[in-house]
Amino acid sequence: MKYMFQFLRILAFCFLGEVLHWLLPLPIPASIYGLALLLAALKFGAVKLEQVKETSAFLVAVFPMLFLPGAVGIIDLGEVLAAIWLPAVLAIALVTVLVMGAAGRVTQAVIRRKEARHD
């Protein structure tokens, strides 16, 4: 029963994200609104981490399976991708390096900021 209530809490924030997406004329996905609302609720103590921890860990664990339908769909595009494989590979490699670099920089900045607070 605990997992059901945890899932319902997460689902409530997903629903609130959908409502915000419907109300606000911004090009932001509803899932991002929901995540931002859940983050704010966790940050300000409206929701305690223990109230969503186990279910969120499970959802993160099964998250890679959600990419399987997309990967299978790419197989159907074999002929189209064969014609543009070199630019596609170069674009994927470049974007991967940029995202990894940006994530590394942000992580380093957060760690430095945390260390400065503790000193």
PDB file of N, CA and C in Angstrom:
ATOM      1  N   MET A   1       0.822  -1.190   0.000  1.00  0.00           N
ATOM      2  CA  MET A   1       0.000   0.000   0.000  1.00  0.00           C
ATOM      3  C   MET A   1       0.867   1.256   0.000  1.00  0.00           C
ATOM      4  N   LYS A   2       2.032   1.167   0.664  1.00  0.00           N
ATOM      5  CA  LYS A   2       2.945   2.308   0.721  1.00  0.00           C
ATOM      6  C   LYS A   2       3.363   2.736  -0.688  1.00  0.00           C
ATOM      7  N   TYR A   3       3.661   1.746  -1.531  1.00  0.00           N
ATOM      8  CA  TYR A   3       4.095   2.053  -2.890  1.00  0.00           C
ATOM      9  C   TYR A   3       2.980   2.694  -3.713  1.00  0.00           C
ATOM     10  N   MET A   4       1.755   2.292  -3.444  1.00  0.00           N
ATOM     11  CA  MET A   4       0.609   2.872  -4.153  1.00  0.00           C
ATOM     12  C   MET A   4       0.495   4.368  -3.831  1.00  0.00           C
ATOM     13  N   PHE A   5       0.616   4.717  -2.536  1.00  0.00           N
ATOM     14  CA  PHE A   5       0.521   6.126  -2.152  1.00  0.00           C
ATOM     15  C   PHE A   5       1.696   6.932  -2.701  1.00  0.00           C
ATOM     16  N   GLN A   6       2.881   6.320  -2.718  1.00  0.00           N
ATOM     17  CA  GLN A   6       4.032   7.018  -3.283  1.00  0.00           C
ATOM     18  C   GLN A   6       3.816   7.277  -4.771  1.00  0.00           C
ATOM     19  N   PHE A   7       3.320   6.273  -5.471  1.00  0.00           N
ATOM     20  CA  PHE A   7       3.061   6.431  -6.898  1.00  0.00           C
ATOM     21  C   PHE A   7       1.984   7.481  -7.140  1.00  0.00           C
ATOM     22  N   LEU A   8       0.953   7.501  -6.314  1.00  0.00           N
ATOM     23  CA  LEU A   8      -0.113   8.493  -6.464  1.00  0.00           C
ATOM     24  C   LEU A   8       0.406   9.917  -6.234  1.00  0.00           C
ATOM     25  N   ARG A   9       1.345  10.078  -5.299  1.00  0.00           N
ATOM     26  CA  ARG A   9       1.939  11.406  -5.089  1.00  0.00           C
ATOM     27  C   ARG A   9       2.677  11.861  -6.351  1.00  0.00           C
ATOM     28  N   ILE A  10       3.465  10.968  -6.900  1.00  0.00           N
ATOM     29  CA  ILE A  10       4.213  11.301  -8.123  1.00  0.00           C
ATOM     30  C   ILE A  10       3.239  11.584  -9.259  1.00  0.00           C
ATOM     31  N   LEU A  11       2.214  10.770  -9.362  1.00  0.00           N
ATOM     32  CA  LEU A  11       1.214  10.949 -10.407  1.00  0.00           C
ATOM     33  C   LEU A  11       0.477  12.279 -10.256  1.00  0.00           C
ATOM     34  N   ALA A  12       0.256  12.705  -9.023  1.00  0.00           N
ATOM     35  CA  ALA A  12      -0.404  13.996  -8.784  1.00  0.00           C
ATOM     36  C   ALA A  12       0.438  15.139  -9.351  1.00  0.00           C
ATOM     37  N   PHE A  13       1.747  15.065  -9.200  1.00  0.00           N
ATOM     38  CA  PHE A  13       2.610  16.105  -9.756  1.00  0.00           C
ATOM     39  C   PHE A  13       2.638  16.038 -11.281  1.00  0.00           C
ATOM     40  N   CYS A  14       2.544  14.836 -11.834  1.00  0.00           N
ATOM     41  CA  CYS A  14       2.434  14.712 -13.294  1.00  0.00           C
ATOM     42  C   CYS A  14       1.146  15.378 -13.774  1.00  0.00           C
ATOM     43  N   PHE A  15       0.065  15.163 -13.055  1.00  0.00           N
ATOM     44  CA  PHE A  15      -1.217  15.776 -13.412  1.00  0.00           C
ATOM     45  C   PHE A  15      -1.138  17.297 -13.310  1.00  0.00           C
ATOM     46  N   LEU A  16      -0.532  17.805 -12.227  1.00  0.00           N
ATOM     47  CA  LEU A  16      -0.370  19.253 -12.086  1.00  0.00           C
ATOM     48  C   LEU A  16       0.471  19.826 -13.229  1.00  0.00           C
ATOM     49  N   GLY A  17       1.469  19.069 -13.668  1.00  0.00           N
ATOM     50  CA  GLY A  17       2.262  19.490 -14.820  1.00  0.00           C
ATOM     51  C   GLY A  17       1.417  19.579 -16.079  1.00  0.00           C
ATOM     52  N   GLU A  18       0.511  18.630 -16.253  1.00  0.00           N
ATOM     53  CA  GLU A  18      -0.396  18.666 -17.404  1.00  0.00           C
ATOM     54  C   GLU A  18      -1.304  19.890 -17.336  1.00  0.00           C
ATOM     55  N   VAL A  19      -1.788  20.196 -16.148  1.00  0.00           N
ATOM     56  CA  VAL A  19      -2.655  21.363 -15.972  1.00  0.00           C
ATOM     57  C   VAL A  19      -1.893  22.640 -16.309  1.00  0.00           C
ATOM     58  N   LEU A  20      -0.666  22.763 -15.799  1.00  0.00           N
ATOM     59  CA  LEU A  20       0.147  23.952 -16.102  1.00  0.00           C
ATOM     60  C   LEU A  20       0.444  24.060 -17.598  1.00  0.00           C
ATOM     61  N   HIS A  21       0.713  22.932 -18.220  1.00  0.00           N
ATOM     62  CA  HIS A  21       0.984  22.931 -19.663  1.00  0.00           C
ATOM     63  C   HIS A  21      -0.239  23.415 -20.438  1.00  0.00           C
ATOM     64  N   TRP A  22      -1.410  23.053 -19.965  1.00  0.00           N
ATOM     65  CA  TRP A  22      -2.646  23.474 -20.613  1.00  0.00           C
ATOM     66  C   TRP A  22      -2.914  24.954 -20.372  1.00  0.00           C
ATOM     67  N   LEU A  23      -2.567  25.438 -19.166  1.00  0.00           N
ATOM     68  CA  LEU A  23      -2.855  26.830 -18.812  1.00  0.00           C
ATOM     69  C   LEU A  23      -1.849  27.831 -19.382  1.00  0.00           C
ATOM     70  N   LEU A  24      -0.577  27.468 -19.364  1.00  0.00           N
ATOM     71  CA  LEU A  24       0.475  28.407 -19.767  1.00  0.00           C
ATOM     72  C   LEU A  24       0.833  28.233 -21.241  1.00  0.00           C
ATOM     73  N   PRO A  25       0.927  29.320 -21.977  1.00  0.00           N
ATOM     74  CA  PRO A  25       1.236  29.219 -23.411  1.00  0.00           C
ATOM     75  C   PRO A  25       2.742  29.170 -23.681  1.00  0.00           C
ATOM     76  N   LEU A  26       3.458  28.327 -22.952  1.00  0.00           N
ATOM     77  CA  LEU A  26       4.905  28.207 -23.137  1.00  0.00           C
ATOM     78  C   LEU A  26       5.236  26.868 -23.784  1.00  0.00           C
ATOM     79  N   PRO A  27       6.305  26.820 -24.571  1.00  0.00           N
ATOM     80  CA  PRO A  27       6.669  25.554 -25.235  1.00  0.00           C
ATOM     81  C   PRO A  27       7.472  24.634 -24.312  1.00  0.00           C
ATOM     82  N   ILE A  28       6.935  24.374 -23.137  1.00  0.00           N
ATOM     83  CA  ILE A  28       7.594  23.518 -22.152  1.00  0.00           C
ATOM     84  C   ILE A  28       6.724  22.280 -21.974  1.00  0.00           C
ATOM     85  N   PRO A  29       7.329  21.078 -22.051  1.00  0.00           N
ATOM     86  CA  PRO A  29       6.532  19.855 -21.885  1.00  0.00           C
ATOM     87  C   PRO A  29       5.921  19.767 -20.486  1.00  0.00           C
ATOM     88  N   ALA A  30       4.794  19.120 -20.404  1.00  0.00           N
ATOM     89  CA  ALA A  30       4.103  18.957 -19.129  1.00  0.00           C
ATOM     90  C   ALA A  30       4.956  18.192 -18.128  1.00  0.00           C
ATOM     91  N   SER A  31       5.741  17.240 -18.602  1.00  0.00           N
ATOM     92  CA  SER A  31       6.583  16.460 -17.693  1.00  0.00           C
ATOM     93  C   SER A  31       7.614  17.338 -16.989  1.00  0.00           C
ATOM     94  N   ILE A  32       8.109  18.355 -17.677  1.00  0.00           N
ATOM     95  CA  ILE A  32       9.078  19.265 -17.064  1.00  0.00           C
ATOM     96  C   ILE A  32       8.406  20.096 -15.977  1.00  0.00           C
ATOM     97  N   TYR A  33       7.187  20.553 -16.238  1.00  0.00           N
ATOM     98  CA  TYR A  33       6.434  21.258 -15.205  1.00  0.00           C
ATOM     99  C   TYR A  33       6.256  20.359 -13.978  1.00  0.00           C
ATOM    100  N   GLY A  34       5.854  19.120 -14.214  1.00  0.00           N
ATOM    101  CA  GLY A  34       5.641  18.184 -13.111  1.00  0.00           C
ATOM    102  C   GLY A  34       6.903  17.942 -12.304  1.00  0.00           C
ATOM    103  N   LEU A  35       8.024  17.748 -13.001  1.00  0.00           N
ATOM    104  CA  LEU A  35       9.295  17.547 -12.307  1.00  0.00           C
ATOM    105  C   LEU A  35       9.690  18.779 -11.505  1.00  0.00           C
ATOM    106  N   ALA A  36       9.492  19.949 -12.082  1.00  0.00           N
ATOM    107  CA  ALA A  36       9.837  21.192 -11.379  1.00  0.00           C
ATOM    108  C   ALA A  36       8.965  21.369 -10.136  1.00  0.00           C
ATOM    109  N   LEU A  37       7.696  21.049 -10.256  1.00  0.00           N
ATOM    110  CA  LEU A  37       6.799  21.148  -9.105  1.00  0.00           C
ATOM    111  C   LEU A  37       7.187  20.155  -8.007  1.00  0.00           C
ATOM    112  N   LEU A  38       7.525  18.932  -8.404  1.00  0.00           N
ATOM    113  CA  LEU A  38       7.946  17.935  -7.421  1.00  0.00           C
ATOM    114  C   LEU A  38       9.256  18.349  -6.764  1.00  0.00           C
ATOM    115  N   LEU A  39      10.189  18.873  -7.549  1.00  0.00           N
ATOM    116  CA  LEU A  39      11.449  19.357  -6.988  1.00  0.00           C
ATOM    117  C   LEU A  39      11.205  20.477  -5.980  1.00  0.00           C
ATOM    118  N   ALA A  40      10.336  21.419  -6.326  1.00  0.00           N
ATOM    119  CA  ALA A  40      10.018  22.520  -5.415  1.00  0.00           C
ATOM    120  C   ALA A  40       9.352  21.990  -4.144  1.00  0.00           C
ATOM    121  N   ALA A  41       8.450  21.029  -4.292  1.00  0.00           N
ATOM    122  CA  ALA A  41       7.783  20.457  -3.121  1.00  0.00           C
ATOM    123  C   ALA A  41       8.779  19.739  -2.216  1.00  0.00           C
ATOM    124  N   LEU A  42       9.740  19.050  -2.811  1.00  0.00           N
ATOM    125  CA  LEU A  42      10.774  18.393  -2.016  1.00  0.00           C
ATOM    126  C   LEU A  42      11.687  19.416  -1.350  1.00  0.00           C
ATOM    127  N   LYS A  43      12.051  20.434  -2.090  1.00  0.00           N
ATOM    128  CA  LYS A  43      12.956  21.460  -1.571  1.00  0.00           C
ATOM    129  C   LYS A  43      12.343  22.225  -0.405  1.00  0.00           C
ATOM    130  N   PHE A  44      11.062  22.570  -0.500  1.00  0.00           N
ATOM    131  CA  PHE A  44      10.417  23.372   0.529  1.00  0.00           C
ATOM    132  C   PHE A  44       9.713  22.531   1.596  1.00  0.00           C
ATOM    133  N   GLY A  45       9.844  21.205   1.516  1.00  0.00           N
ATOM    134  CA  GLY A  45       9.328  20.338   2.568  1.00  0.00           C
ATOM    135  C   GLY A  45       7.862  19.981   2.475  1.00  0.00           C
ATOM    136  N   ALA A  46       7.182  20.360   1.410  1.00  0.00           N
ATOM    137  CA  ALA A  46       5.774  19.981   1.252  1.00  0.00           C
ATOM    138  C   ALA A  46       5.651  18.468   1.052  1.00  0.00           C
ATOM    139  N   VAL A  47       6.663  17.872   0.432  1.00  0.00           N
ATOM    140  CA  VAL A  47       6.750  16.430   0.260  1.00  0.00           C
ATOM    141  C   VAL A  47       8.094  15.999   0.830  1.00  0.00           C
ATOM    142  N   LYS A  48       8.073  14.990   1.664  1.00  0.00           N
ATOM    143  CA  LYS A  48       9.310  14.449   2.233  1.00  0.00           C
ATOM    144  C   LYS A  48       9.868  13.387   1.287  1.00  0.00           C
ATOM    145  N   LEU A  49      11.182  13.279   1.247  1.00  0.00           N
ATOM    146  CA  LEU A  49      11.823  12.317   0.355  1.00  0.00           C
ATOM    147  C   LEU A  49      11.336  10.895   0.619  1.00  0.00           C
ATOM    148  N   GLU A  50      11.105  10.562   1.874  1.00  0.00           N
ATOM    149  CA  GLU A  50      10.642   9.216   2.229  1.00  0.00           C
ATOM    150  C   GLU A  50       9.262   8.911   1.635  1.00  0.00           C
ATOM    151  N   GLN A  51       8.520   9.959   1.286  1.00  0.00           N
ATOM    152  CA  GLN A  51       7.172   9.766   0.744  1.00  0.00           C
ATOM    153  C   GLN A  51       7.176   9.376  -0.731  1.00  0.00           C
ATOM    154  N   VAL A  52       8.325   9.455  -1.388  1.00  0.00           N
ATOM    155  CA  VAL A  52       8.399   9.100  -2.811  1.00  0.00           C
ATOM    156  C   VAL A  52       9.652   8.289  -3.163  1.00  0.00           C
ATOM    157  N   LYS A  53      10.496   8.021  -2.198  1.00  0.00           N
ATOM    158  CA  LYS A  53      11.828   7.461  -2.463  1.00  0.00           C
ATOM    159  C   LYS A  53      11.808   6.089  -3.144  1.00  0.00           C
ATOM    160  N   GLU A  54      11.104   5.123  -2.559  1.00  0.00           N
ATOM    161  CA  GLU A  54      11.154   3.758  -3.107  1.00  0.00           C
ATOM    162  C   GLU A  54      10.531   3.670  -4.493  1.00  0.00           C
ATOM    163  N   THR A  55       9.383   4.298  -4.671  1.00  0.00           N
ATOM    164  CA  THR A  55       8.711   4.239  -5.969  1.00  0.00           C
ATOM    165  C   THR A  55       9.508   4.974  -7.031  1.00  0.00           C
ATOM    166  N   SER A  56      10.092   6.118  -6.676  1.00  0.00           N
ATOM    167  CA  SER A  56      10.894   6.846  -7.668  1.00  0.00           C
ATOM    168  C   SER A  56      12.142   6.052  -8.048  1.00  0.00           C
ATOM    169  N   ALA A  57      12.737   5.340  -7.089  1.00  0.00           N
ATOM    170  CA  ALA A  57      13.899   4.496  -7.403  1.00  0.00           C
ATOM    171  C   ALA A  57      13.496   3.386  -8.375  1.00  0.00           C
ATOM    172  N   PHE A  58      12.328   2.806  -8.177  1.00  0.00           N
ATOM    173  CA  PHE A  58      11.839   1.781  -9.093  1.00  0.00           C
ATOM    174  C   PHE A  58      11.606   2.361 -10.486  1.00  0.00           C
ATOM    175  N   LEU A  59      10.984   3.529 -10.552  1.00  0.00           N
ATOM    176  CA  LEU A  59      10.701   4.144 -11.854  1.00  0.00           C
ATOM    177  C   LEU A  59      11.991   4.485 -12.595  1.00  0.00           C
ATOM    178  N   VAL A  60      12.994   4.941 -11.868  1.00  0.00           N
ATOM    179  CA  VAL A  60      14.280   5.233 -12.504  1.00  0.00           C
ATOM    180  C   VAL A  60      14.932   3.939 -12.996  1.00  0.00           C
ATOM    181  N   ALA A  61      14.763   2.852 -12.258  1.00  0.00           N
ATOM    182  CA  ALA A  61      15.348   1.573 -12.656  1.00  0.00           C
ATOM    183  C   ALA A  61      14.727   1.028 -13.937  1.00  0.00           C
ATOM    184  N   VAL A  62      13.419   1.222 -14.131  1.00  0.00           N
ATOM    185  CA  VAL A  62      12.764   0.690 -15.326  1.00  0.00           C
ATOM    186  C   VAL A  62      12.740   1.701 -16.477  1.00  0.00           C
ATOM    187  N   PHE A  63      13.225   2.898 -16.238  1.00  0.00           N
ATOM    188  CA  PHE A  63      13.201   3.953 -17.254  1.00  0.00           C
ATOM    189  C   PHE A  63      13.858   3.545 -18.581  1.00  0.00           C
ATOM    190  N   PRO A  64      15.013   2.856 -18.584  1.00  0.00           N
ATOM    191  CA  PRO A  64      15.612   2.483 -19.878  1.00  0.00           C
ATOM    192  C   PRO A  64      14.708   1.630 -20.762  1.00  0.00           C
ATOM    193  N   MET A  65      13.804   0.869 -20.177  1.00  0.00           N
ATOM    194  CA  MET A  65      12.903   0.051 -20.992  1.00  0.00           C
ATOM    195  C   MET A  65      11.960   0.906 -21.829  1.00  0.00           C
ATOM    196  N   LEU A  66      11.754   2.150 -21.436  1.00  0.00           N
ATOM    197  CA  LEU A  66      10.865   3.034 -22.189  1.00  0.00           C
ATOM    198  C   LEU A  66      11.481   3.431 -23.534  1.00  0.00           C
ATOM    199  N   PHE A  67      12.792   3.247 -23.686  1.00  0.00           N
ATOM    200  CA  PHE A  67      13.451   3.588 -24.943  1.00  0.00           C
ATOM    201  C   PHE A  67      13.377   2.459 -25.967  1.00  0.00           C
ATOM    202  N   LEU A  68      12.978   1.276 -25.568  1.00  0.00           N
ATOM    203  CA  LEU A  68      12.927   0.149 -26.496  1.00  0.00           C
ATOM    204  C   LEU A  68      12.011   0.383 -27.694  1.00  0.00           C
ATOM    205  N   PRO A  69      10.798   0.880 -27.526  1.00  0.00           N
ATOM    206  CA  PRO A  69       9.952   1.100 -28.713  1.00  0.00           C
ATOM    207  C   PRO A  69      10.595   2.065 -29.717  1.00  0.00           C
ATOM    208  N   GLY A  70      11.247   3.093 -29.228  1.00  0.00           N
ATOM    209  CA  GLY A  70      11.920   4.032 -30.130  1.00  0.00           C
ATOM    210  C   GLY A  70      13.069   3.371 -30.869  1.00  0.00           C
ATOM    211  N   ALA A  71      13.822   2.544 -30.171  1.00  0.00           N
ATOM    212  CA  ALA A  71      14.945   1.842 -30.809  1.00  0.00           C
ATOM    213  C   ALA A  71      14.441   0.867 -31.870  1.00  0.00           C
ATOM    214  N   VAL A  72      13.354   0.189 -31.588  1.00  0.00           N
ATOM    215  CA  VAL A  72      12.778  -0.733 -32.569  1.00  0.00           C
ATOM    216  C   VAL A  72      12.245   0.045 -33.764  1.00  0.00           C
ATOM    217  N   GLY A  73      11.681   1.226 -33.520  1.00  0.00           N
ATOM    218  CA  GLY A  73      11.178   2.058 -34.617  1.00  0.00           C
ATOM    219  C   GLY A  73      12.278   2.503 -35.559  1.00  0.00           C
ATOM    220  N   ILE A  74      13.479   2.689 -35.043  1.00  0.00           N
ATOM    221  CA  ILE A  74      14.608   3.106 -35.885  1.00  0.00           C
ATOM    222  C   ILE A  74      14.967   2.011 -36.884  1.00  0.00           C
ATOM    223  N   ILE A  75      14.751   0.760 -36.500  1.00  0.00           N
ATOM    224  CA  ILE A  75      15.062  -0.348 -37.405  1.00  0.00           C
ATOM    225  C   ILE A  75      14.259  -0.215 -38.700  1.00  0.00           C
ATOM    226  N   ASP A  76      13.039   0.264 -38.612  1.00  0.00           N
ATOM    227  CA  ASP A  76      12.197   0.442 -39.802  1.00  0.00           C
ATOM    228  C   ASP A  76      12.743   1.537 -40.721  1.00  0.00           C
ATOM    229  N   LEU A  77      13.574   2.421 -40.194  1.00  0.00           N
ATOM    230  CA  LEU A  77      14.111   3.528 -40.988  1.00  0.00           C
ATOM    231  C   LEU A  77      15.494   3.216 -41.561  1.00  0.00           C
ATOM    232  N   GLY A  78      15.838   1.952 -41.668  1.00  0.00           N
ATOM    233  CA  GLY A  78      17.165   1.545 -42.127  1.00  0.00           C
ATOM    234  C   GLY A  78      17.582   2.166 -43.447  1.00  0.00           C
ATOM    235  N   GLU A  79      16.714   2.182 -44.440  1.00  0.00           N
ATOM    236  CA  GLU A  79      17.055   2.732 -45.758  1.00  0.00           C
ATOM    237  C   GLU A  79      17.274   4.242 -45.688  1.00  0.00           C
ATOM    238  N   VAL A  80      16.445   4.918 -44.941  1.00  0.00           N
ATOM    239  CA  VAL A  80      16.577   6.374 -44.806  1.00  0.00           C
ATOM    240  C   VAL A  80      17.878   6.713 -44.088  1.00  0.00           C
ATOM    241  N   LEU A  81      18.173   5.987 -43.015  1.00  0.00           N
ATOM    242  CA  LEU A  81      19.393   6.256 -42.251  1.00  0.00           C
ATOM    243  C   LEU A  81      20.653   5.881 -43.025  1.00  0.00           C
ATOM    244  N   ALA A  82      20.555   4.897 -43.896  1.00  0.00           N
ATOM    245  CA  ALA A  82      21.725   4.496 -44.677  1.00  0.00           C
ATOM    246  C   ALA A  82      22.203   5.639 -45.563  1.00  0.00           C
ATOM    247  N   ALA A  83      21.281   6.453 -46.033  1.00  0.00           N
ATOM    248  CA  ALA A  83      21.639   7.568 -46.912  1.00  0.00           C
ATOM    249  C   ALA A  83      22.296   8.716 -46.149  1.00  0.00           C
ATOM    250  N   ILE A  84      22.035   8.828 -44.858  1.00  0.00           N
ATOM    251  CA  ILE A  84      22.571   9.963 -44.091  1.00  0.00           C
ATOM    252  C   ILE A  84      23.389   9.501 -42.879  1.00  0.00           C
ATOM    253  N   TRP A  85      23.978   8.314 -42.925  1.00  0.00           N
ATOM    254  CA  TRP A  85      24.623   7.765 -41.743  1.00  0.00           C
ATOM    255  C   TRP A  85      25.802   8.603 -41.263  1.00  0.00           C
ATOM    256  N   LEU A  86      26.615   9.131 -42.173  1.00  0.00           N
ATOM    257  CA  LEU A  86      27.791   9.900 -41.748  1.00  0.00           C
ATOM    258  C   LEU A  86      27.404  11.189 -41.024  1.00  0.00           C
ATOM    259  N   PRO A  87      26.537  12.044 -41.598  1.00  0.00           N
ATOM    260  CA  PRO A  87      26.140  13.233 -40.837  1.00  0.00           C
ATOM    261  C   PRO A  87      25.433  12.884 -39.520  1.00  0.00           C
ATOM    262  N   ALA A  88      24.651  11.811 -39.512  1.00  0.00           N
ATOM    263  CA  ALA A  88      23.952  11.417 -38.288  1.00  0.00           C
ATOM    264  C   ALA A  88      24.942  11.007 -37.208  1.00  0.00           C
ATOM    265  N   VAL A  89      25.926  10.221 -37.557  1.00  0.00           N
ATOM    266  CA  VAL A  89      26.939   9.778 -36.589  1.00  0.00           C
ATOM    267  C   VAL A  89      27.746  10.968 -36.081  1.00  0.00           C
ATOM    268  N   LEU A  90      28.127  11.862 -36.975  1.00  0.00           N
ATOM    269  CA  LEU A  90      28.879  13.048 -36.551  1.00  0.00           C
ATOM    270  C   LEU A  90      28.046  13.940 -35.628  1.00  0.00           C
ATOM    271  N   ALA A  91      26.795  14.133 -35.958  1.00  0.00           N
ATOM    272  CA  ALA A  91      25.923  14.957 -35.111  1.00  0.00           C
ATOM    273  C   ALA A  91      25.727  14.311 -33.738  1.00  0.00           C
ATOM    274  N   ILE A  92      25.510  13.015 -33.721  1.00  0.00           N
ATOM    275  CA  ILE A  92      25.326  12.313 -32.442  1.00  0.00           C
ATOM    276  C   ILE A  92      26.594  12.402 -31.599  1.00  0.00           C
ATOM    277  N   ALA A  93      27.752  12.201 -32.228  1.00  0.00           N
ATOM    278  CA  ALA A  93      29.017  12.276 -31.488  1.00  0.00           C
ATOM    279  C   ALA A  93      29.243  13.690 -30.941  1.00  0.00           C
ATOM    280  N   LEU A  94      28.999  14.705 -31.755  1.00  0.00           N
ATOM    281  CA  LEU A  94      29.206  16.080 -31.314  1.00  0.00           C
ATOM    282  C   LEU A  94      28.269  16.449 -30.165  1.00  0.00           C
ATOM    283  N   VAL A  95      27.005  16.111 -30.313  1.00  0.00           N
ATOM    284  CA  VAL A  95      26.035  16.435 -29.263  1.00  0.00           C
ATOM    285  C   VAL A  95      26.366  15.670 -27.976  1.00  0.00           C
ATOM    286  N   THR A  96      26.801  14.423 -28.096  1.00  0.00           N
ATOM    287  CA  THR A  96      27.169  13.644 -26.915  1.00  0.00           C
ATOM    288  C   THR A  96      28.321  14.297 -26.166  1.00  0.00           C
ATOM    289  N   VAL A  97      29.338  14.727 -26.898  1.00  0.00           N
ATOM    290  CA  VAL A  97      30.486  15.386 -26.266  1.00  0.00           C
ATOM    291  C   VAL A  97      30.052  16.696 -25.614  1.00  0.00           C
ATOM    292  N   LEU A  98      29.233  17.483 -26.299  1.00  0.00           N
ATOM    293  CA  LEU A  98      28.761  18.749 -25.723  1.00  0.00           C
ATOM    294  C   LEU A  98      27.933  18.537 -24.456  1.00  0.00           C
ATOM    295  N   VAL A  99      27.045  17.556 -24.473  1.00  0.00           N
ATOM    296  CA  VAL A  99      26.212  17.286 -23.299  1.00  0.00           C
ATOM    297  C   VAL A  99      27.067  16.784 -22.139  1.00  0.00           C
ATOM    298  N   MET A 100      28.012  15.906 -22.423  1.00  0.00           N
ATOM    299  CA  MET A 100      28.881  15.412 -21.358  1.00  0.00           C
ATOM    300  C   MET A 100      29.724  16.542 -20.779  1.00  0.00           C
ATOM    301  N   GLY A 101      30.238  17.414 -21.633  1.00  0.00           N
ATOM    302  CA  GLY A 101      31.025  18.548 -21.156  1.00  0.00           C
ATOM    303  C   GLY A 101      30.195  19.500 -20.307  1.00  0.00           C
ATOM    304  N   ALA A 102      29.001  19.813 -20.771  1.00  0.00           N
ATOM    305  CA  ALA A 102      28.125  20.713 -20.013  1.00  0.00           C
ATOM    306  C   ALA A 102      27.733  20.093 -18.679  1.00  0.00           C
ATOM    307  N   ALA A 103      27.414  18.815 -18.683  1.00  0.00           N
ATOM    308  CA  ALA A 103      27.042  18.140 -17.430  1.00  0.00           C
ATOM    309  C   ALA A 103      28.218  18.123 -16.461  1.00  0.00           C
ATOM    310  N   GLY A 104      29.419  17.898 -16.976  1.00  0.00           N
ATOM    311  CA  GLY A 104      30.610  17.911 -16.129  1.00  0.00           C
ATOM    312  C   GLY A 104      30.863  19.278 -15.523  1.00  0.00           C
ATOM    313  N   ARG A 105      30.716  20.319 -16.327  1.00  0.00           N
ATOM    314  CA  ARG A 105      30.915  21.691 -15.823  1.00  0.00           C
ATOM    315  C   ARG A 105      29.898  22.047 -14.746  1.00  0.00           C
ATOM    316  N   VAL A 106      28.649  21.712 -14.999  1.00  0.00           N
ATOM    317  CA  VAL A 106      27.603  22.013 -14.017  1.00  0.00           C
ATOM    318  C   VAL A 106      27.858  21.241 -12.723  1.00  0.00           C
ATOM    319  N   THR A 107      28.230  19.972 -12.844  1.00  0.00           N
ATOM    320  CA  THR A 107      28.517  19.158 -11.660  1.00  0.00           C
ATOM    321  C   THR A 107      29.682  19.747 -10.870  1.00  0.00           C
ATOM    322  N   GLN A 108      30.737  20.148 -11.553  1.00  0.00           N
ATOM    323  CA  GLN A 108      31.870  20.762 -10.866  1.00  0.00           C
ATOM    324  C   GLN A 108      31.467  22.059 -10.169  1.00  0.00           C
ATOM    325  N   ALA A 109      30.646  22.870 -10.816  1.00  0.00           N
ATOM    326  CA  ALA A 109      30.196  24.127 -10.203  1.00  0.00           C
ATOM    327  C   ALA A 109      29.366  23.866  -8.952  1.00  0.00           C
ATOM    328  N   VAL A 110      28.500  22.861  -9.007  1.00  0.00           N
ATOM    329  CA  VAL A 110      27.673  22.525  -7.847  1.00  0.00           C
ATOM    330  C   VAL A 110      28.549  22.018  -6.702  1.00  0.00           C
ATOM    331  N   ILE A 111      29.520  21.184  -7.010  1.00  0.00           N
ATOM    332  CA  ILE A 111      30.419  20.665  -5.975  1.00  0.00           C
ATOM    333  C   ILE A 111      31.219  21.803  -5.352  1.00  0.00           C
ATOM    334  N   ARG A 112      31.745  22.707  -6.178  1.00  0.00           N
ATOM    335  CA  ARG A 112      32.496  23.851  -5.641  1.00  0.00           C
ATOM    336  C   ARG A 112      31.614  24.725  -4.756  1.00  0.00           C
ATOM    337  N   ARG A 113      30.393  24.934  -5.184  1.00  0.00           N
ATOM    338  CA  ARG A 113      29.470  25.768  -4.405  1.00  0.00           C
ATOM    339  C   ARG A 113      29.150  25.122  -3.055  1.00  0.00           C
ATOM    340  N   LYS A 114      28.960  23.783  -3.080  1.00  0.00           N
ATOM    341  CA  LYS A 114      28.700  23.065  -1.829  1.00  0.00           C
ATOM    342  C   LYS A 114      29.908  23.149  -0.890  1.00  0.00           C
ATOM    343  N   GLU A 115      31.106  22.977  -1.460  1.00  0.00           N
ATOM    344  CA  GLU A 115      32.314  23.049  -0.638  1.00  0.00           C
ATOM    345  C   GLU A 115      32.516  24.449  -0.067  1.00  0.00           C
ATOM    346  N   ALA A 116      32.179  25.467  -0.832  1.00  0.00           N
ATOM    347  CA  ALA A 116      32.329  26.852  -0.341  1.00  0.00           C
ATOM    348  C   ALA A 116      31.364  27.112   0.808  1.00  0.00           C
ATOM    349  N   ARG A 117      30.183  26.523   0.767  1.00  0.00           N
ATOM    350  CA  ARG A 117      29.215  26.705   1.853  1.00  0.00           C
ATOM    351  C   ARG A 117      29.688  26.051   3.145  1.00  0.00           C
ATOM    352  N   HIS A 118      30.375  24.905   3.007  1.00  0.00           N
ATOM    353  CA  HIS A 118      30.812  24.164   4.188  1.00  0.00           C
ATOM    354  C   HIS A 118      32.072  24.752   4.814  1.00  0.00           C
ATOM    355  N   ASP A 119      32.784  25.585   4.064  1.00  0.00           N
ATOM    356  CA  ASP A 119      34.029  26.169   4.615  1.00  0.00           C
ATOM    357  C   ASP A 119      33.798  27.379   5.444  1.00  0.00           C
TER     358      ASP A 119
END
